[in-house]
PDB file of N, CA and C in Angstrom:
ATOM      1  N   UNK A   1       2.918   6.799  -6.362  1.00  0.00           N
ATOM      2  CA  UNK A   1       3.333   5.336  -7.293  1.00  0.00           C
ATOM      3  C   UNK A   1       3.949   5.109  -8.014  1.00  0.00           C
ATOM      4  N   UNK A   2       4.939   3.987  -7.899  1.00  0.00           N
ATOM      5  CA  UNK A   2       5.424   3.157  -8.293  1.00  0.00           C
ATOM      6  C   UNK A   2       5.607   3.142  -9.802  1.00  0.00           C
ATOM      7  N   UNK A   3       6.720   3.576 -10.978  1.00  0.00           N
ATOM      8  CA  UNK A   3       6.751   3.317 -12.062  1.00  0.00           C
ATOM      9  C   UNK A   3       6.786   2.035 -12.511  1.00  0.00           C
ATOM     10  N   UNK A   4       7.602   0.953 -11.928  1.00  0.00           N
ATOM     11  CA  UNK A   4       8.301  -0.152 -11.723  1.00  0.00           C
ATOM     12  C   UNK A   4       8.112  -0.635 -11.091  1.00  0.00           C
ATOM     13  N   UNK A   5       7.755  -2.372 -11.432  1.00  0.00           N
ATOM     14  CA  UNK A   5       7.543  -3.232 -10.384  1.00  0.00           C
ATOM     15  C   UNK A   5       8.307  -3.549  -9.201  1.00  0.00           C
ATOM     16  N   UNK A   6       9.801  -3.474  -9.499  1.00  0.00           N
ATOM     17  CA  UNK A   6      10.495  -3.243  -8.607  1.00  0.00           C
ATOM     18  C   UNK A   6      10.706  -2.382  -7.464  1.00  0.00           C
ATOM     19  N   UNK A   7      10.114  -1.255  -8.246  1.00  0.00           N
ATOM     20  CA  UNK A   7      10.412   0.000  -7.180  1.00  0.00           C
ATOM     21  C   UNK A   7       8.668  -0.473  -6.299  1.00  0.00           C
ATOM     22  N   UNK A   8       7.426  -0.935  -6.802  1.00  0.00           N
ATOM     23  CA  UNK A   8       6.542  -1.556  -6.354  1.00  0.00           C
ATOM     24  C   UNK A   8       6.262  -2.257  -5.015  1.00  0.00           C
ATOM     25  N   UNK A   9       7.788  -3.280  -5.420  1.00  0.00           N
ATOM     26  CA  UNK A   9       8.039  -4.418  -4.519  1.00  0.00           C
ATOM     27  C   UNK A   9       8.846  -3.709  -3.420  1.00  0.00           C
ATOM     28  N   UNK A  10       9.681  -2.816  -3.533  1.00  0.00           N
ATOM     29  CA  UNK A  10      10.336  -2.113  -2.775  1.00  0.00           C
ATOM     30  C   UNK A  10       9.657  -1.591  -1.717  1.00  0.00           C
ATOM     31  N   UNK A  11       8.650  -0.648  -2.309  1.00  0.00           N
ATOM     32  CA  UNK A  11       8.021   0.228  -1.346  1.00  0.00           C
ATOM     33  C   UNK A  11       7.202  -0.706  -0.678  1.00  0.00           C
ATOM     34  N   UNK A  12       6.379  -1.594  -1.086  1.00  0.00           N
ATOM     35  CA  UNK A  12       6.019  -2.891  -0.268  1.00  0.00           C
ATOM     36  C   UNK A  12       6.724  -3.265   0.817  1.00  0.00           C
ATOM     37  N   UNK A  13       8.101  -3.910   0.605  1.00  0.00           N
ATOM     38  CA  UNK A  13       8.774  -4.620   1.581  1.00  0.00           C
ATOM     39  C   UNK A  13       9.086  -3.231   2.771  1.00  0.00           C
ATOM     40  N   UNK A  14       9.417  -2.180   2.568  1.00  0.00           N
ATOM     41  CA  UNK A  14       9.169  -1.119   3.371  1.00  0.00           C
ATOM     42  C   UNK A  14       7.964  -0.255   4.327  1.00  0.00           C
ATOM     43  N   UNK A  15       6.773  -1.214   3.534  1.00  0.00           N
ATOM     44  CA  UNK A  15       5.720  -1.069   4.780  1.00  0.00           C
ATOM     45  C   UNK A  15       5.812  -1.863   5.400  1.00  0.00           C
ATOM     46  N   UNK A  16       5.912  -3.223   4.755  1.00  0.00           N
ATOM     47  CA  UNK A  16       5.708  -4.047   5.665  1.00  0.00           C
ATOM     48  C   UNK A  16       6.590  -4.106   7.058  1.00  0.00           C
ATOM     49  N   UNK A  17       7.865  -3.703   7.104  1.00  0.00           N
ATOM     50  CA  UNK A  17       8.690  -3.607   8.278  1.00  0.00           C
ATOM     51  C   UNK A  17       7.515  -3.862   9.307  1.00  0.00           C
ATOM     52  N   UNK A  18       7.333  -2.779   9.358  1.00  0.00           N
ATOM     53  CA  UNK A  18       6.059  -2.418  11.242  1.00  0.00           C
ATOM     54  C   UNK A  18       4.909  -3.853  11.136  1.00  0.00           C
ATOM     55  N   UNK A  19       5.026  -4.451  10.220  1.00  0.00           N
ATOM     56  CA  UNK A  19       3.574  -5.552  10.116  1.00  0.00           C
ATOM     57  C   UNK A  19       3.830  -6.746  11.207  1.00  0.00           C
ATOM     58  N   UNK A  20       2.627  -6.930  11.693  1.00  0.00           N
ATOM     59  CA  UNK A  20       3.014  -7.819  12.770  1.00  0.00           C
ATOM     60  C   UNK A  20       2.832  -9.153  12.092  1.00  0.00           C
ATOM     61  N   UNK A  21       2.853  -9.375  11.073  1.00  0.00           N
ATOM     62  CA  UNK A  21       3.374 -10.599  10.262  1.00  0.00           C
ATOM     63  C   UNK A  21       3.812 -10.196   8.816  1.00  0.00           C
ATOM     64  N   UNK A  22       5.188 -10.221   8.984  1.00  0.00           N
ATOM     65  CA  UNK A  22       5.664  -9.824   7.524  1.00  0.00           C
ATOM     66  C   UNK A  22       5.782 -10.745   6.282  1.00  0.00           C
ATOM     67  N   UNK A  23       5.917 -12.068   6.675  1.00  0.00           N
ATOM     68  CA  UNK A  23       5.899 -13.119   5.671  1.00  0.00           C
ATOM     69  C   UNK A  23       4.799 -13.175   5.114  1.00  0.00           C
ATOM     70  N   UNK A  24       3.441 -13.304   5.775  1.00  0.00           N
ATOM     71  CA  UNK A  24       2.286 -12.882   5.184  1.00  0.00           C
ATOM     72  C   UNK A  24       2.142 -11.541   4.290  1.00  0.00           C
ATOM     73  N   UNK A  25       2.427 -10.355   4.709  1.00  0.00           N
ATOM     74  CA  UNK A  25       2.705  -9.330   3.966  1.00  0.00           C
ATOM     75  C   UNK A  25       3.058  -9.548   2.659  1.00  0.00           C
ATOM     76  N   UNK A  26       4.407 -10.157   2.763  1.00  0.00           N
ATOM     77  CA  UNK A  26       5.047 -10.552   1.472  1.00  0.00           C
ATOM     78  C   UNK A  26       4.404 -10.892   0.578  1.00  0.00           C
ATOM     79  N   UNK A  27       3.471 -12.094   0.297  1.00  0.00           N
ATOM     80  CA  UNK A  27       2.774 -12.832   0.021  1.00  0.00           C
ATOM     81  C   UNK A  27       1.299 -12.030  -1.162  1.00  0.00           C
ATOM     82  N   UNK A  28       1.128 -10.662  -0.077  1.00  0.00           N
ATOM     83  CA  UNK A  28       0.219  -9.559  -1.112  1.00  0.00           C
ATOM     84  C   UNK A  28       0.326  -9.441  -2.094  1.00  0.00           C
ATOM     85  N   UNK A  29       1.446  -8.852  -2.455  1.00  0.00           N
ATOM     86  CA  UNK A  29       1.760  -8.179  -3.876  1.00  0.00           C
ATOM     87  C   UNK A  29       1.579  -9.539  -4.700  1.00  0.00           C
ATOM     88  N   UNK A  30       2.210 -10.307  -4.862  1.00  0.00           N
ATOM     89  CA  UNK A  30       1.901 -11.671  -5.475  1.00  0.00           C
ATOM     90  C   UNK A  30       0.404 -12.123  -5.590  1.00  0.00           C
ATOM     91  N   UNK A  31      -0.316 -12.330  -4.684  1.00  0.00           N
ATOM     92  CA  UNK A  31      -1.569 -12.544  -4.771  1.00  0.00           C
ATOM     93  C   UNK A  31      -2.729 -11.896  -5.774  1.00  0.00           C
ATOM     94  N   UNK A  32      -2.390 -10.268  -5.483  1.00  0.00           N
ATOM     95  CA  UNK A  32      -3.160  -9.327  -6.487  1.00  0.00           C
ATOM     96  C   UNK A  32      -2.523  -9.677  -7.759  1.00  0.00           C
ATOM     97  N   UNK A  33      -1.555 -10.025  -8.113  1.00  0.00           N
ATOM     98  CA  UNK A  33      -1.118  -9.891  -9.217  1.00  0.00           C
ATOM     99  C   UNK A  33      -1.401 -11.290  -9.798  1.00  0.00           C
ATOM    100  N   UNK A  34      -1.427 -12.157  -9.106  1.00  0.00           N
ATOM    101  CA  UNK A  34      -2.087 -13.637  -9.466  1.00  0.00           C
ATOM    102  C   UNK A  34      -3.161 -13.542 -10.179  1.00  0.00           C
ATOM    103  N   UNK A  35      -4.236 -12.695  -9.284  1.00  0.00           N
ATOM    104  CA  UNK A  35      -5.731 -12.745  -9.883  1.00  0.00           C
ATOM    105  C   UNK A  35      -5.825 -11.583 -10.693  1.00  0.00           C
ATOM    106  N   UNK A  36      -5.019 -11.054 -10.915  1.00  0.00           N
ATOM    107  CA  UNK A  36      -5.283 -10.091 -11.738  1.00  0.00           C
ATOM    108  C   UNK A  36      -5.115 -10.864 -13.539  1.00  0.00           C
ATOM    109  N   UNK A  37      -3.774 -11.550 -13.258  1.00  0.00           N
ATOM    110  CA  UNK A  37      -3.399 -12.408 -14.468  1.00  0.00           C
ATOM    111  C   UNK A  37      -4.425 -13.462 -14.707  1.00  0.00           C
ATOM    112  N   UNK A  38      -4.948 -13.939 -13.877  1.00  0.00           N
ATOM    113  CA  UNK A  38      -5.981 -14.889 -14.447  1.00  0.00           C
ATOM    114  C   UNK A  38      -6.985 -14.169 -14.658  1.00  0.00           C
ATOM    115  N   UNK A  39      -7.860 -13.447 -14.662  1.00  0.00           N
ATOM    116  CA  UNK A  39      -8.697 -12.316 -14.720  1.00  0.00           C
ATOM    117  C   UNK A  39      -8.625 -12.086 -15.926  1.00  0.00           C
ATOM    118  N   UNK A  40      -7.008 -11.707 -16.454  1.00  0.00           N
ATOM    119  CA  UNK A  40      -6.972 -10.993 -18.070  1.00  0.00           C
ATOM    120  C   UNK A  40      -6.926 -12.158 -18.635  1.00  0.00           C
ATOM    121  N   UNK A  41      -6.072 -13.372 -18.386  1.00  0.00           N
ATOM    122  CA  UNK A  41      -6.511 -14.421 -19.737  1.00  0.00           C
ATOM    123  C   UNK A  41      -7.633 -14.967 -19.392  1.00  0.00           C
ATOM    124  N   UNK A  42      -8.715 -14.563 -18.661  1.00  0.00           N
ATOM    125  CA  UNK A  42     -10.126 -15.167 -18.669  1.00  0.00           C
ATOM    126  C   UNK A  42     -10.888 -14.437 -20.099  1.00  0.00           C
ATOM    127  N   UNK A  43     -10.643 -13.023 -19.642  1.00  0.00           N
ATOM    128  CA  UNK A  43     -10.861 -11.915 -20.537  1.00  0.00           C
ATOM    129  C   UNK A  43     -10.955 -12.325 -21.829  1.00  0.00           C
ATOM    130  N   UNK A  44      -9.193 -12.259 -21.865  1.00  0.00           N
ATOM    131  CA  UNK A  44      -8.733 -12.580 -23.176  1.00  0.00           C
ATOM    132  C   UNK A  44      -9.049 -13.817 -24.181  1.00  0.00           C
ATOM    133  N   UNK A  45      -9.076 -14.874 -23.533  1.00  0.00           N
ATOM    134  CA  UNK A  45      -8.991 -16.441 -24.371  1.00  0.00           C
ATOM    135  C   UNK A  45     -10.202 -17.124 -23.590  1.00  0.00           C
ATOM    136  N   UNK A  46     -10.895 -16.242 -23.016  1.00  0.00           N
ATOM    137  CA  UNK A  46     -12.485 -16.883 -22.759  1.00  0.00           C
ATOM    138  C   UNK A  46     -13.396 -16.339 -23.076  1.00  0.00           C
ATOM    139  N   UNK A  47     -13.291 -15.148 -22.714  1.00  0.00           N
ATOM    140  CA  UNK A  47     -14.286 -14.362 -23.106  1.00  0.00           C
ATOM    141  C   UNK A  47     -15.558 -14.112 -22.139  1.00  0.00           C
ATOM    142  N   UNK A  48     -14.562 -14.430 -20.639  1.00  0.00           N
ATOM    143  CA  UNK A  48     -15.711 -14.346 -19.233  1.00  0.00           C
ATOM    144  C   UNK A  48     -14.999 -13.470 -18.627  1.00  0.00           C
ATOM    145  N   UNK A  49     -16.132 -12.500 -18.328  1.00  0.00           N
ATOM    146  CA  UNK A  49     -15.383 -11.647 -17.253  1.00  0.00           C
ATOM    147  C   UNK A  49     -16.182 -11.320 -15.935  1.00  0.00           C
ATOM    148  N   UNK A  50     -15.249 -11.240 -15.063  1.00  0.00           N
ATOM    149  CA  UNK A  50     -15.955 -11.411 -13.720  1.00  0.00           C
ATOM    150  C   UNK A  50     -15.983  -9.848 -13.089  1.00  0.00           C
ATOM    151  N   UNK A  51     -16.700  -9.505 -11.997  1.00  0.00           N
ATOM    152  CA  UNK A  51     -16.653  -8.196 -11.723  1.00  0.00           C
ATOM    153  C   UNK A  51     -15.823  -7.830 -10.786  1.00  0.00           C
ATOM    154  N   UNK A  52     -15.396  -6.984 -10.413  1.00  0.00           N
ATOM    155  CA  UNK A  52     -14.239  -6.002  -9.571  1.00  0.00           C
ATOM    156  C   UNK A  52     -14.462  -6.896  -8.431  1.00  0.00           C
ATOM    157  N   UNK A  53     -15.208  -7.041  -7.604  1.00  0.00           N
ATOM    158  CA  UNK A  53     -15.524  -7.171  -6.924  1.00  0.00           C
ATOM    159  C   UNK A  53     -15.032  -8.806  -6.509  1.00  0.00           C
ATOM    160  N   UNK A  54     -15.480  -9.503  -7.514  1.00  0.00           N
ATOM    161  CA  UNK A  54     -15.323 -10.989  -7.731  1.00  0.00           C
ATOM    162  C   UNK A  54     -13.775 -11.011  -7.606  1.00  0.00           C
ATOM    163  N   UNK A  55     -13.053 -10.255  -8.441  1.00  0.00           N
ATOM    164  CA  UNK A  55     -11.959 -10.232  -8.496  1.00  0.00           C
ATOM    165  C   UNK A  55     -10.945 -10.413  -7.457  1.00  0.00           C
ATOM    166  N   UNK A  56     -11.821  -8.820  -6.225  1.00  0.00           N
ATOM    167  CA  UNK A  56     -10.894  -9.075  -5.172  1.00  0.00           C
ATOM    168  C   UNK A  56     -10.946 -10.132  -4.609  1.00  0.00           C
ATOM    169  N   UNK A  57     -12.674 -10.348  -4.372  1.00  0.00           N
ATOM    170  CA  UNK A  57     -12.446 -11.827  -3.752  1.00  0.00           C
ATOM    171  C   UNK A  57     -11.567 -12.877  -3.813  1.00  0.00           C
ATOM    172  N   UNK A  58     -11.558 -13.115  -4.972  1.00  0.00           N
ATOM    173  CA  UNK A  58     -10.203 -14.044  -5.888  1.00  0.00           C
ATOM    174  C   UNK A  58      -9.404 -13.997  -4.758  1.00  0.00           C
ATOM    175  N   UNK A  59      -8.384 -12.757  -4.820  1.00  0.00           N
ATOM    176  CA  UNK A  59      -7.898 -12.375  -4.629  1.00  0.00           C
ATOM    177  C   UNK A  59      -7.193 -12.617  -2.938  1.00  0.00           C
ATOM    178  N   UNK A  60      -8.191 -12.214  -2.259  1.00  0.00           N
ATOM    179  CA  UNK A  60      -8.409 -12.574  -0.986  1.00  0.00           C
ATOM    180  C   UNK A  60      -8.395 -14.103  -0.887  1.00  0.00           C
ATOM    181  N   UNK A  61      -9.005 -14.633  -1.054  1.00  0.00           N
ATOM    182  CA  UNK A  61      -9.305 -16.310  -1.183  1.00  0.00           C
ATOM    183  C   UNK A  61      -7.886 -16.722  -1.044  1.00  0.00           C
ATOM    184  N   UNK A  62      -7.442 -16.074  -2.475  1.00  0.00           N
ATOM    185  CA  UNK A  62      -5.865 -16.592  -2.946  1.00  0.00           C
ATOM    186  C   UNK A  62      -4.975 -16.515  -1.523  1.00  0.00           C
ATOM    187  N   UNK A  63      -4.822 -15.539  -1.309  1.00  0.00           N
ATOM    188  CA  UNK A  63      -4.115 -14.898  -0.215  1.00  0.00           C
ATOM    189  C   UNK A  63      -4.278 -15.752   1.110  1.00  0.00           C
ATOM    190  N   UNK A  64      -5.391 -16.039   1.230  1.00  0.00           N
ATOM    191  CA  UNK A  64      -5.736 -16.684   2.508  1.00  0.00           C
ATOM    192  C   UNK A  64      -5.169 -18.215   2.493  1.00  0.00           C
ATOM    193  N   UNK A  65      -5.779 -19.026   1.207  1.00  0.00           N
ATOM    194  CA  UNK A  65      -5.505 -20.665   0.665  1.00  0.00           C
ATOM    195  C   UNK A  65      -3.649 -20.600   0.830  1.00  0.00           C
ATOM    196  N   UNK A  66      -2.843 -19.328  -0.055  1.00  0.00           N
ATOM    197  CA  UNK A  66      -1.329 -19.648   0.122  1.00  0.00           C
ATOM    198  C   UNK A  66      -0.484 -19.488   1.716  1.00  0.00           C
ATOM    199  N   UNK A  67      -1.382 -18.480   2.258  1.00  0.00           N
ATOM    200  CA  UNK A  67      -0.944 -18.891   3.675  1.00  0.00           C
ATOM    201  C   UNK A  67      -0.730 -20.045   4.147  1.00  0.00           C
ATOM    202  N   UNK A  68      -2.501 -20.089   4.267  1.00  0.00           N
ATOM    203  CA  UNK A  68      -2.634 -21.479   5.007  1.00  0.00           C
ATOM    204  C   UNK A  68      -1.222 -22.881   4.415  1.00  0.00           C
ATOM    205  N   UNK A  69      -1.017 -22.849   2.887  1.00  0.00           N
ATOM    206  CA  UNK A  69      -0.372 -23.649   2.400  1.00  0.00           C
ATOM    207  C   UNK A  69       1.044 -23.787   2.972  1.00  0.00           C
ATOM    208  N   UNK A  70       1.307 -22.355   3.687  1.00  0.00           N
ATOM    209  CA  UNK A  70       2.947 -21.877   3.558  1.00  0.00           C
ATOM    210  C   UNK A  70       2.817 -22.359   5.236  1.00  0.00           C
ATOM    211  N   UNK A  71       1.612 -21.976   5.975  1.00  0.00           N
ATOM    212  CA  UNK A  71       1.806 -22.055   7.454  1.00  0.00           C
ATOM    213  C   UNK A  71       0.769 -23.072   8.060  1.00  0.00           C
ATOM    214  N   UNK A  72       0.617 -24.113   7.081  1.00  0.00           N
ATOM    215  CA  UNK A  72       0.326 -25.254   7.447  1.00  0.00           C
ATOM    216  C   UNK A  72      -0.653 -26.066   8.917  1.00  0.00           C
ATOM    217  N   UNK A  73       0.523 -25.137   9.467  1.00  0.00           N
ATOM    218  CA  UNK A  73       0.618 -25.829  11.306  1.00  0.00           C
ATOM    219  C   UNK A  73      -1.042 -24.880  11.612  1.00  0.00           C
ATOM    220  N   UNK A  74      -1.193 -23.675  11.458  1.00  0.00           N
ATOM    221  CA  UNK A  74      -1.834 -22.522  11.807  1.00  0.00           C
ATOM    222  C   UNK A  74      -3.357 -23.005  11.057  1.00  0.00           C
ATOM    223  N   UNK A  75      -4.345 -22.819  12.171  1.00  0.00           N
ATOM    224  CA  UNK A  75      -5.436 -23.136  12.048  1.00  0.00           C
ATOM    225  C   UNK A  75      -6.581 -21.270  11.497  1.00  0.00           C
ATOM    226  N   UNK A  76      -5.504 -20.669  10.742  1.00  0.00           N
ATOM    227  CA  UNK A  76      -6.157 -19.352  10.657  1.00  0.00           C
ATOM    228  C   UNK A  76      -6.747 -19.263   9.617  1.00  0.00           C
ATOM    229  N   UNK A  77      -7.971 -18.010  10.035  1.00  0.00           N
ATOM    230  CA  UNK A  77      -9.076 -18.113   9.062  1.00  0.00           C
ATOM    231  C   UNK A  77      -8.711 -16.604   7.868  1.00  0.00           C
ATOM    232  N   UNK A  78      -9.830 -16.690   7.159  1.00  0.00           N
ATOM    233  CA  UNK A  78      -9.476 -15.397   6.133  1.00  0.00           C
ATOM    234  C   UNK A  78      -9.341 -14.074   6.896  1.00  0.00           C
ATOM    235  N   UNK A  79     -10.160 -14.196   8.208  1.00  0.00           N
ATOM    236  CA  UNK A  79     -10.248 -12.514   8.618  1.00  0.00           C
ATOM    237  C   UNK A  79      -9.256 -12.336   9.415  1.00  0.00           C
ATOM    238  N   UNK A  80      -8.108 -13.701  10.114  1.00  0.00           N
ATOM    239  CA  UNK A  80      -7.071 -13.407  10.768  1.00  0.00           C
ATOM    240  C   UNK A  80      -5.978 -13.228   9.878  1.00  0.00           C
ATOM    241  N   UNK A  81      -5.613 -13.808   8.834  1.00  0.00           N
ATOM    242  CA  UNK A  81      -4.862 -13.177   7.239  1.00  0.00           C
ATOM    243  C   UNK A  81      -5.266 -11.844   7.402  1.00  0.00           C
ATOM    244  N   UNK A  82      -5.846 -11.181   7.209  1.00  0.00           N
ATOM    245  CA  UNK A  82      -6.303  -9.574   7.163  1.00  0.00           C
ATOM    246  C   UNK A  82      -6.149  -9.051   8.250  1.00  0.00           C
ATOM    247  N   UNK A  83      -6.154  -9.730   9.322  1.00  0.00           N
ATOM    248  CA  UNK A  83      -5.906  -8.498  10.361  1.00  0.00           C
ATOM    249  C   UNK A  83      -3.982  -8.725  10.987  1.00  0.00           C
ATOM    250  N   UNK A  84      -3.688  -9.972   9.986  1.00  0.00           N
ATOM    251  CA  UNK A  84      -2.319  -9.898  10.414  1.00  0.00           C
ATOM    252  C   UNK A  84      -1.110  -9.163   9.681  1.00  0.00           C
ATOM    253  N   UNK A  85      -1.963  -8.448   8.597  1.00  0.00           N
ATOM    254  CA  UNK A  85      -1.001  -7.791   7.485  1.00  0.00           C
ATOM    255  C   UNK A  85      -1.427  -6.446   7.631  1.00  0.00           C
TER     256      UNK A  85
END
């Protein structure tokens, strides 16, 4: 397990080299960190806590949304995004 964020990103990059879609692969860590950051803020400042399952779903929906925004010509579904990484 990497001890620093830079090491985590580097190991993620190395793992993504063999991926079918490297561009989408690179978006995954950002969507995970953003979903966790939003949940943290929700808990700290709004006293609102989502289940772990909802946090994971938010991460997946965010990943799909970002991929659709970056690749607007694609009519890709959530399943297609997950299959491509």
